[in-house]
């Protein structure tokens, strides 16, 4: 049996400027937003895209706001409400980690609804435009989790098992990297391949919802459940329960989009 790999022990503070400290976790969010900005403008620049530079800027602004507010509020509500009751300042200490994808998704969906009304664009058209922008950003965020040494996996003796500073002196799945591979890189590749097929409006949004839900549901089998929540009913974690509606909604959206043959006549 091979010995587990020691955690690289990366300083979570990327740059210490005295009064200002730049954390790797925050930097990963900037990387995520930068990737989204690049991909969105590249897609908008294609002939007949139906998107202007102004619309892209507004869309990303509303989307980023939804991610940050929804992600933090969602984390507090879904995973750690008790700590905020004890330490109200924890709500604002985002550099320590603690963002919920599902909360961020709700925030983004609300932001897209506002954008759709402002620019009179079909909601699913916007969803199909946004979906390819998300996975690589998710990968960047999970790398931030890895650098922070948080959200590690369950105990294991696989050759790539790693000992995390806050996870005890035992080998664990580096589940943060599983997230990077499945819900980040693989999901991005799948969405881009589907987009090349020029499916009817709504399919790409459905593929994203179902794809992320399946990827996250799978990784949860290797990720250590939150200590204060543990495994919930039917042997599933909170993350898995939150993914179930996504998988069902994604599948239903794909079926709906194909059966109605793109009601607005717009292809992704």
C-alpha atoms as a PDB file:
ATOM      1  CA  UNK A   1       0.000   0.000   0.000  1.00  0.00           C
ATOM      2  CA  UNK A   2       1.459   3.360  -1.019  1.00  0.00           C
ATOM      3  CA  UNK A   3       1.744   6.238   1.433  1.00  0.00           C
ATOM      4  CA  UNK A   4      -0.691   9.138   0.927  1.00  0.00           C
ATOM      5  CA  UNK A   5       0.635  12.268  -0.751  1.00  0.00           C
ATOM      6  CA  UNK A   6       1.316  15.191   1.620  1.00  0.00           C
ATOM      7  CA  UNK A   7      -0.721  18.301   0.892  1.00  0.00           C
ATOM      8  CA  UNK A   8       1.483  20.899  -0.863  1.00  0.00           C
ATOM      9  CA  UNK A   9       0.630  23.367   1.923  1.00  0.00           C
ATOM     10  CA  UNK A  10       0.134  26.409  -0.291  1.00  0.00           C
ATOM     11  CA  UNK A  11      -0.234  29.695   1.554  1.00  0.00           C
ATOM     12  CA  UNK A  12      -3.852  30.800   0.988  1.00  0.00           C
ATOM     13  CA  UNK A  13      -2.574  34.382   0.847  1.00  0.00           C
ATOM     14  CA  UNK A  14      -1.224  34.936  -2.639  1.00  0.00           C
ATOM     15  CA  UNK A  15       0.175  38.396  -1.967  1.00  0.00           C
ATOM     16  CA  UNK A  16       0.551  40.245   1.336  1.00  0.00           C
ATOM     17  CA  UNK A  17       0.719  44.006   0.845  1.00  0.00           C
ATOM     18  CA  UNK A  18       0.415  44.822   4.517  1.00  0.00           C
ATOM     19  CA  UNK A  19      -2.981  46.455   4.853  1.00  0.00           C
ATOM     20  CA  UNK A  20      -4.262  44.479   1.872  1.00  0.00           C
ATOM     21  CA  UNK A  21      -3.987  40.724   1.414  1.00  0.00           C
ATOM     22  CA  UNK A  22      -4.809  39.060  -1.881  1.00  0.00           C
ATOM     23  CA  UNK A  23      -6.039  35.511  -1.340  1.00  0.00           C
ATOM     24  CA  UNK A  24      -5.781  32.725  -3.886  1.00  0.00           C
ATOM     25  CA  UNK A  25      -9.482  31.992  -3.401  1.00  0.00           C
ATOM     26  CA  UNK A  26     -10.430  35.517  -4.438  1.00  0.00           C
ATOM     27  CA  UNK A  27      -7.954  35.399  -7.323  1.00  0.00           C
ATOM     28  CA  UNK A  28      -9.655  32.253  -8.632  1.00  0.00           C
ATOM     29  CA  UNK A  29     -12.913  34.187  -8.818  1.00  0.00           C
ATOM     30  CA  UNK A  30     -11.161  36.856 -10.875  1.00  0.00           C
ATOM     31  CA  UNK A  31      -9.831  34.113 -13.154  1.00  0.00           C
ATOM     32  CA  UNK A  32     -13.344  32.698 -13.483  1.00  0.00           C
ATOM     33  CA  UNK A  33     -14.798  36.096 -14.384  1.00  0.00           C
ATOM     34  CA  UNK A  34     -11.947  36.729 -16.823  1.00  0.00           C
ATOM     35  CA  UNK A  35     -12.577  33.441 -18.616  1.00  0.00           C
ATOM     36  CA  UNK A  36     -16.305  34.174 -18.809  1.00  0.00           C
ATOM     37  CA  UNK A  37     -15.594  37.641 -20.219  1.00  0.00           C
ATOM     38  CA  UNK A  38     -13.272  36.225 -22.881  1.00  0.00           C
ATOM     39  CA  UNK A  39     -15.615  33.417 -23.925  1.00  0.00           C
ATOM     40  CA  UNK A  40     -18.673  35.689 -23.989  1.00  0.00           C
ATOM     41  CA  UNK A  41     -17.055  38.350 -26.158  1.00  0.00           C
ATOM     42  CA  UNK A  42     -15.644  35.725 -28.473  1.00  0.00           C
ATOM     43  CA  UNK A  43     -19.115  34.242 -28.972  1.00  0.00           C
ATOM     44  CA  UNK A  44     -20.731  37.676 -29.387  1.00  0.00           C
ATOM     45  CA  UNK A  45     -18.191  38.675 -32.056  1.00  0.00           C
ATOM     46  CA  UNK A  46     -19.319  35.897 -34.401  1.00  0.00           C
ATOM     47  CA  UNK A  47     -21.468  37.070 -37.341  1.00  0.00           C
ATOM     48  CA  UNK A  48     -25.189  36.853 -36.607  1.00  0.00           C
ATOM     49  CA  UNK A  49     -24.685  36.174 -32.897  1.00  0.00           C
ATOM     50  CA  UNK A  50     -27.420  38.646 -31.960  1.00  0.00           C
ATOM     51  CA  UNK A  51     -25.280  40.030 -29.148  1.00  0.00           C
ATOM     52  CA  UNK A  52     -23.606  43.410 -28.775  1.00  0.00           C
ATOM     53  CA  UNK A  53     -20.602  44.295 -26.628  1.00  0.00           C
ATOM     54  CA  UNK A  54     -22.847  46.424 -24.400  1.00  0.00           C
ATOM     55  CA  UNK A  55     -25.246  43.550 -23.839  1.00  0.00           C
ATOM     56  CA  UNK A  56     -22.375  41.208 -22.964  1.00  0.00           C
ATOM     57  CA  UNK A  57     -20.974  43.682 -20.426  1.00  0.00           C
ATOM     58  CA  UNK A  58     -24.365  44.117 -18.762  1.00  0.00           C
ATOM     59  CA  UNK A  59     -25.035  40.390 -18.789  1.00  0.00           C
ATOM     60  CA  UNK A  60     -21.735  39.589 -17.116  1.00  0.00           C
ATOM     61  CA  UNK A  61     -22.185  42.334 -14.531  1.00  0.00           C
ATOM     62  CA  UNK A  62     -25.628  41.062 -13.509  1.00  0.00           C
ATOM     63  CA  UNK A  63     -24.408  37.470 -13.657  1.00  0.00           C
ATOM     64  CA  UNK A  64     -21.355  38.110 -11.479  1.00  0.00           C
ATOM     65  CA  UNK A  65     -23.520  39.932  -8.959  1.00  0.00           C
ATOM     66  CA  UNK A  66     -25.889  36.975  -8.882  1.00  0.00           C
ATOM     67  CA  UNK A  67     -23.001  34.538  -8.391  1.00  0.00           C
ATOM     68  CA  UNK A  68     -21.475  36.425  -5.483  1.00  0.00           C
ATOM     69  CA  UNK A  69     -24.655  37.324  -3.612  1.00  0.00           C
ATOM     70  CA  UNK A  70     -26.502  34.109  -4.382  1.00  0.00           C
ATOM     71  CA  UNK A  71     -23.451  31.938  -3.739  1.00  0.00           C
ATOM     72  CA  UNK A  72     -22.758  33.414  -0.329  1.00  0.00           C
ATOM     73  CA  UNK A  73     -26.366  33.624   0.822  1.00  0.00           C
ATOM     74  CA  UNK A  74     -27.010  30.116  -0.484  1.00  0.00           C
ATOM     75  CA  UNK A  75     -24.034  28.730   1.420  1.00  0.00           C
ATOM     76  CA  UNK A  76     -25.255  30.334   4.610  1.00  0.00           C
ATOM     77  CA  UNK A  77     -28.814  29.062   4.189  1.00  0.00           C
ATOM     78  CA  UNK A  78     -27.998  25.567   2.905  1.00  0.00           C
ATOM     79  CA  UNK A  79     -24.864  24.722   4.844  1.00  0.00           C
ATOM     80  CA  UNK A  80     -23.828  27.044   7.658  1.00  0.00           C
ATOM     81  CA  UNK A  81     -26.672  29.145   9.026  1.00  0.00           C
ATOM     82  CA  UNK A  82     -25.745  28.328  12.626  1.00  0.00           C
ATOM     83  CA  UNK A  83     -22.300  29.927  12.315  1.00  0.00           C
ATOM     84  CA  UNK A  84     -23.758  33.208  11.076  1.00  0.00           C
ATOM     85  CA  UNK A  85     -26.055  33.250  14.100  1.00  0.00           C
ATOM     86  CA  UNK A  86     -22.974  32.914  16.307  1.00  0.00           C
ATOM     87  CA  UNK A  87     -20.707  35.181  14.221  1.00  0.00           C
ATOM     88  CA  UNK A  88     -22.670  37.617  12.014  1.00  0.00           C
ATOM     89  CA  UNK A  89     -19.405  38.889  10.497  1.00  0.00           C
ATOM     90  CA  UNK A  90     -18.880  35.448   8.928  1.00  0.00           C
ATOM     91  CA  UNK A  91     -21.413  36.406   6.263  1.00  0.00           C
ATOM     92  CA  UNK A  92     -18.898  38.868   4.822  1.00  0.00           C
ATOM     93  CA  UNK A  93     -15.669  36.857   5.222  1.00  0.00           C
ATOM     94  CA  UNK A  94     -15.824  35.380   1.724  1.00  0.00           C
ATOM     95  CA  UNK A  95     -12.023  35.051   1.480  1.00  0.00           C
ATOM     96  CA  UNK A  96     -12.279  32.169   3.954  1.00  0.00           C
ATOM     97  CA  UNK A  97     -14.310  30.187   1.435  1.00  0.00           C
ATOM     98  CA  UNK A  98     -17.926  29.232   1.733  1.00  0.00           C
ATOM     99  CA  UNK A  99     -19.796  29.719  -1.521  1.00  0.00           C
ATOM    100  CA  UNK A 100     -22.668  27.525  -2.677  1.00  0.00           C
ATOM    101  CA  UNK A 101     -22.992  26.695  -6.356  1.00  0.00           C
ATOM    102  CA  UNK A 102     -26.719  26.081  -5.996  1.00  0.00           C
ATOM    103  CA  UNK A 103     -27.179  29.443  -4.278  1.00  0.00           C
ATOM    104  CA  UNK A 104     -25.104  31.095  -6.994  1.00  0.00           C
ATOM    105  CA  UNK A 105     -27.235  29.391  -9.638  1.00  0.00           C
ATOM    106  CA  UNK A 106     -30.422  30.808  -8.128  1.00  0.00           C
ATOM    107  CA  UNK A 107     -28.781  34.234  -8.022  1.00  0.00           C
ATOM    108  CA  UNK A 108     -27.771  33.978 -11.683  1.00  0.00           C
ATOM    109  CA  UNK A 109     -31.236  32.796 -12.755  1.00  0.00           C
ATOM    110  CA  UNK A 110     -32.773  35.842 -11.093  1.00  0.00           C
ATOM    111  CA  UNK A 111     -30.155  38.111 -12.679  1.00  0.00           C
ATOM    112  CA  UNK A 112     -30.862  36.636 -16.130  1.00  0.00           C
ATOM    113  CA  UNK A 113     -34.578  37.264 -15.652  1.00  0.00           C
ATOM    114  CA  UNK A 114     -33.847  40.938 -14.998  1.00  0.00           C
ATOM    115  CA  UNK A 115     -31.551  41.076 -18.033  1.00  0.00           C
ATOM    116  CA  UNK A 116     -34.133  39.354 -20.253  1.00  0.00           C
ATOM    117  CA  UNK A 117     -36.766  41.929 -19.330  1.00  0.00           C
ATOM    118  CA  UNK A 118     -34.385  44.846 -19.861  1.00  0.00           C
ATOM    119  CA  UNK A 119     -33.230  43.750 -23.322  1.00  0.00           C
ATOM    120  CA  UNK A 120     -36.386  41.881 -24.387  1.00  0.00           C
ATOM    121  CA  UNK A 121     -34.471  38.673 -25.075  1.00  0.00           C
ATOM    122  CA  UNK A 122     -35.895  35.181 -24.722  1.00  0.00           C
ATOM    123  CA  UNK A 123     -34.839  33.664 -21.408  1.00  0.00           C
ATOM    124  CA  UNK A 124     -33.646  30.383 -22.913  1.00  0.00           C
ATOM    125  CA  UNK A 125     -31.614  32.217 -25.551  1.00  0.00           C
ATOM    126  CA  UNK A 126     -29.757  33.940 -22.733  1.00  0.00           C
ATOM    127  CA  UNK A 127     -29.381  30.665 -20.856  1.00  0.00           C
ATOM    128  CA  UNK A 128     -27.824  28.980 -23.892  1.00  0.00           C
ATOM    129  CA  UNK A 129     -25.401  31.885 -24.268  1.00  0.00           C
ATOM    130  CA  UNK A 130     -24.383  31.787 -20.593  1.00  0.00           C
ATOM    131  CA  UNK A 131     -24.094  28.007 -20.118  1.00  0.00           C
ATOM    132  CA  UNK A 132     -20.691  27.600 -21.877  1.00  0.00           C
ATOM    133  CA  UNK A 133     -19.260  30.422 -19.755  1.00  0.00           C
ATOM    134  CA  UNK A 134     -19.770  28.635 -16.446  1.00  0.00           C
ATOM    135  CA  UNK A 135     -17.810  25.322 -16.290  1.00  0.00           C
ATOM    136  CA  UNK A 136     -14.274  26.722 -16.540  1.00  0.00           C
ATOM    137  CA  UNK A 137     -15.176  29.272 -13.878  1.00  0.00           C
ATOM    138  CA  UNK A 138     -16.369  26.434 -11.669  1.00  0.00           C
ATOM    139  CA  UNK A 139     -13.033  24.685 -12.240  1.00  0.00           C
ATOM    140  CA  UNK A 140     -11.168  27.816 -11.128  1.00  0.00           C
ATOM    141  CA  UNK A 141     -13.279  28.032  -7.976  1.00  0.00           C
ATOM    142  CA  UNK A 142     -12.568  24.395  -7.108  1.00  0.00           C
ATOM    143  CA  UNK A 143      -8.844  25.019  -7.531  1.00  0.00           C
ATOM    144  CA  UNK A 144      -9.325  27.775  -4.961  1.00  0.00           C
ATOM    145  CA  UNK A 145     -10.942  25.227  -2.633  1.00  0.00           C
ATOM    146  CA  UNK A 146      -7.938  22.929  -3.112  1.00  0.00           C
ATOM    147  CA  UNK A 147      -5.440  25.685  -2.340  1.00  0.00           C
ATOM    148  CA  UNK A 148      -7.420  26.524   0.804  1.00  0.00           C
ATOM    149  CA  UNK A 149      -7.201  22.860   1.815  1.00  0.00           C
ATOM    150  CA  UNK A 150     -10.986  22.719   2.261  1.00  0.00           C
ATOM    151  CA  UNK A 151     -13.810  20.480   1.059  1.00  0.00           C
ATOM    152  CA  UNK A 152     -11.541  17.456   0.959  1.00  0.00           C
ATOM    153  CA  UNK A 153     -12.759  13.945   0.285  1.00  0.00           C
ATOM    154  CA  UNK A 154     -13.538  10.840   2.245  1.00  0.00           C
ATOM    155  CA  UNK A 155     -10.812   8.548   3.625  1.00  0.00           C
ATOM    156  CA  UNK A 156      -9.268   6.276   0.999  1.00  0.00           C
ATOM    157  CA  UNK A 157      -6.168   4.245   0.201  1.00  0.00           C
ATOM    158  CA  UNK A 158      -6.026   4.970  -3.537  1.00  0.00           C
ATOM    159  CA  UNK A 159      -2.514   5.793  -4.829  1.00  0.00           C
ATOM    160  CA  UNK A 160      -3.384   9.476  -5.215  1.00  0.00           C
ATOM    161  CA  UNK A 161      -4.830   9.842  -1.691  1.00  0.00           C
ATOM    162  CA  UNK A 162      -3.722  13.055   0.002  1.00  0.00           C
ATOM    163  CA  UNK A 163      -3.291  14.129   3.626  1.00  0.00           C
ATOM    164  CA  UNK A 164      -4.963  17.518   4.157  1.00  0.00           C
ATOM    165  CA  UNK A 165      -3.903  19.705   7.105  1.00  0.00           C
ATOM    166  CA  UNK A 166      -7.425  19.980   8.483  1.00  0.00           C
ATOM    167  CA  UNK A 167      -8.456  16.440   7.546  1.00  0.00           C
ATOM    168  CA  UNK A 168      -6.444  14.449  10.053  1.00  0.00           C
ATOM    169  CA  UNK A 169      -3.409  12.222   9.467  1.00  0.00           C
ATOM    170  CA  UNK A 170      -5.173   9.963   6.948  1.00  0.00           C
ATOM    171  CA  UNK A 171      -5.278   9.791   3.177  1.00  0.00           C
ATOM    172  CA  UNK A 172      -8.335  11.317   1.556  1.00  0.00           C
ATOM    173  CA  UNK A 173      -9.750  11.725  -1.929  1.00  0.00           C
ATOM    174  CA  UNK A 174      -8.646  15.083  -3.394  1.00  0.00           C
ATOM    175  CA  UNK A 175     -12.294  15.619  -4.286  1.00  0.00           C
ATOM    176  CA  UNK A 176     -11.727  19.275  -5.194  1.00  0.00           C
ATOM    177  CA  UNK A 177      -9.739  18.035  -8.212  1.00  0.00           C
ATOM    178  CA  UNK A 178     -12.537  15.614  -9.118  1.00  0.00           C
ATOM    179  CA  UNK A 179     -14.805  18.653  -9.251  1.00  0.00           C
ATOM    180  CA  UNK A 180     -12.322  20.392 -11.550  1.00  0.00           C
ATOM    181  CA  UNK A 181     -12.244  17.408 -13.898  1.00  0.00           C
ATOM    182  CA  UNK A 182     -15.971  16.595 -14.054  1.00  0.00           C
ATOM    183  CA  UNK A 183     -18.022  19.750 -13.490  1.00  0.00           C
ATOM    184  CA  UNK A 184     -15.299  21.949 -14.945  1.00  0.00           C
ATOM    185  CA  UNK A 185     -13.322  20.533 -17.847  1.00  0.00           C
ATOM    186  CA  UNK A 186     -15.533  17.606 -18.909  1.00  0.00           C
ATOM    187  CA  UNK A 187     -18.764  19.604 -18.704  1.00  0.00           C
ATOM    188  CA  UNK A 188     -17.213  22.428 -20.743  1.00  0.00           C
ATOM    189  CA  UNK A 189     -16.133  19.980 -23.466  1.00  0.00           C
ATOM    190  CA  UNK A 190     -19.588  18.360 -23.581  1.00  0.00           C
ATOM    191  CA  UNK A 191     -21.367  21.728 -23.843  1.00  0.00           C
ATOM    192  CA  UNK A 192     -19.046  22.937 -26.603  1.00  0.00           C
ATOM    193  CA  UNK A 193     -19.568  19.724 -28.565  1.00  0.00           C
ATOM    194  CA  UNK A 194     -23.339  20.060 -28.218  1.00  0.00           C
ATOM    195  CA  UNK A 195     -23.174  23.705 -29.269  1.00  0.00           C
ATOM    196  CA  UNK A 196     -21.360  22.721 -32.480  1.00  0.00           C
ATOM    197  CA  UNK A 197     -24.449  20.682 -33.411  1.00  0.00           C
ATOM    198  CA  UNK A 198     -26.493  23.929 -33.333  1.00  0.00           C
ATOM    199  CA  UNK A 199     -29.359  22.448 -31.301  1.00  0.00           C
ATOM    200  CA  UNK A 200     -32.718  24.107 -30.809  1.00  0.00           C
ATOM    201  CA  UNK A 201     -32.940  26.812 -28.175  1.00  0.00           C
ATOM    202  CA  UNK A 202     -32.942  25.494 -24.635  1.00  0.00           C
ATOM    203  CA  UNK A 203     -30.977  22.309 -25.227  1.00  0.00           C
ATOM    204  CA  UNK A 204     -27.636  23.785 -24.174  1.00  0.00           C
ATOM    205  CA  UNK A 205     -29.196  25.156 -20.984  1.00  0.00           C
ATOM    206  CA  UNK A 206     -30.678  21.733 -20.286  1.00  0.00           C
ATOM    207  CA  UNK A 207     -27.373  19.979 -20.941  1.00  0.00           C
ATOM    208  CA  UNK A 208     -25.659  22.298 -18.489  1.00  0.00           C
ATOM    209  CA  UNK A 209     -28.230  21.741 -15.728  1.00  0.00           C
ATOM    210  CA  UNK A 210     -28.322  17.977 -16.168  1.00  0.00           C
ATOM    211  CA  UNK A 211     -24.570  17.676 -16.760  1.00  0.00           C
ATOM    212  CA  UNK A 212     -23.606  19.648 -13.692  1.00  0.00           C
ATOM    213  CA  UNK A 213     -26.147  17.820 -11.576  1.00  0.00           C
ATOM    214  CA  UNK A 214     -24.793  14.408 -12.619  1.00  0.00           C
ATOM    215  CA  UNK A 215     -21.151  15.487 -12.192  1.00  0.00           C
ATOM    216  CA  UNK A 216     -21.722  16.978  -8.740  1.00  0.00           C
ATOM    217  CA  UNK A 217     -23.911  14.059  -7.637  1.00  0.00           C
ATOM    218  CA  UNK A 218     -21.092  11.672  -8.611  1.00  0.00           C
ATOM    219  CA  UNK A 219     -18.307  13.590  -6.862  1.00  0.00           C
ATOM    220  CA  UNK A 220     -20.364  13.742  -3.662  1.00  0.00           C
ATOM    221  CA  UNK A 221     -19.741   9.993  -3.234  1.00  0.00           C
ATOM    222  CA  UNK A 222     -16.040  10.794  -2.785  1.00  0.00           C
ATOM    223  CA  UNK A 223     -16.353  14.103  -0.914  1.00  0.00           C
ATOM    224  CA  UNK A 224     -16.531  14.196   2.873  1.00  0.00           C
ATOM    225  CA  UNK A 225     -20.041  15.305   3.912  1.00  0.00           C
ATOM    226  CA  UNK A 226     -20.248  18.533   5.897  1.00  0.00           C
ATOM    227  CA  UNK A 227     -19.541  17.629   9.528  1.00  0.00           C
ATOM    228  CA  UNK A 228     -22.569  19.492  10.886  1.00  0.00           C
ATOM    229  CA  UNK A 229     -24.906  17.983   8.278  1.00  0.00           C
ATOM    230  CA  UNK A 230     -23.496  14.533   7.590  1.00  0.00           C
ATOM    231  CA  UNK A 231     -25.394  12.127   5.370  1.00  0.00           C
ATOM    232  CA  UNK A 232     -29.073  12.987   5.110  1.00  0.00           C
ATOM    233  CA  UNK A 233     -32.087  10.820   4.301  1.00  0.00           C
ATOM    234  CA  UNK A 234     -31.755   7.977   1.776  1.00  0.00           C
ATOM    235  CA  UNK A 235     -27.988   8.056   2.319  1.00  0.00           C
ATOM    236  CA  UNK A 236     -27.528  11.228   0.255  1.00  0.00           C
ATOM    237  CA  UNK A 237     -25.652  14.409   1.126  1.00  0.00           C
ATOM    238  CA  UNK A 238     -27.034  17.939   0.963  1.00  0.00           C
ATOM    239  CA  UNK A 239     -25.171  18.462  -2.316  1.00  0.00           C
ATOM    240  CA  UNK A 240     -26.813  15.396  -3.852  1.00  0.00           C
ATOM    241  CA  UNK A 241     -30.275  16.447  -2.726  1.00  0.00           C
ATOM    242  CA  UNK A 242     -29.743  19.890  -4.239  1.00  0.00           C
ATOM    243  CA  UNK A 243     -28.577  18.297  -7.506  1.00  0.00           C
ATOM    244  CA  UNK A 244     -31.654  16.132  -7.961  1.00  0.00           C
ATOM    245  CA  UNK A 245     -33.927  19.030  -9.049  1.00  0.00           C
ATOM    246  CA  UNK A 246     -31.172  20.200 -11.428  1.00  0.00           C
ATOM    247  CA  UNK A 247     -30.918  16.815 -13.135  1.00  0.00           C
ATOM    248  CA  UNK A 248     -34.692  16.532 -13.504  1.00  0.00           C
ATOM    249  CA  UNK A 249     -35.061  20.142 -14.673  1.00  0.00           C
ATOM    250  CA  UNK A 250     -32.246  19.754 -17.191  1.00  0.00           C
ATOM    251  CA  UNK A 251     -33.752  16.585 -18.658  1.00  0.00           C
ATOM    252  CA  UNK A 252     -37.222  18.146 -18.793  1.00  0.00           C
ATOM    253  CA  UNK A 253     -35.839  21.257 -20.498  1.00  0.00           C
ATOM    254  CA  UNK A 254     -34.085  19.214 -23.188  1.00  0.00           C
ATOM    255  CA  UNK A 255     -37.268  17.252 -23.889  1.00  0.00           C
ATOM    256  CA  UNK A 256     -39.329  20.454 -23.916  1.00  0.00           C
ATOM    257  CA  UNK A 257     -36.917  22.264 -26.240  1.00  0.00           C
ATOM    258  CA  UNK A 258     -36.717  19.444 -28.764  1.00  0.00           C
ATOM    259  CA  UNK A 259     -40.461  18.704 -28.744  1.00  0.00           C
ATOM    260  CA  UNK A 260     -41.383  22.361 -29.280  1.00  0.00           C
ATOM    261  CA  UNK A 261     -38.739  22.927 -31.980  1.00  0.00           C
ATOM    262  CA  UNK A 262     -37.393  26.210 -30.648  1.00  0.00           C
ATOM    263  CA  UNK A 263     -40.506  28.315 -30.129  1.00  0.00           C
ATOM    264  CA  UNK A 264     -38.555  31.539 -30.816  1.00  0.00           C
ATOM    265  CA  UNK A 265     -36.750  30.104 -33.805  1.00  0.00           C
ATOM    266  CA  UNK A 266     -33.302  30.929 -32.402  1.00  0.00           C
ATOM    267  CA  UNK A 267     -30.462  28.437 -32.353  1.00  0.00           C
ATOM    268  CA  UNK A 268     -27.527  28.480 -29.960  1.00  0.00           C
END
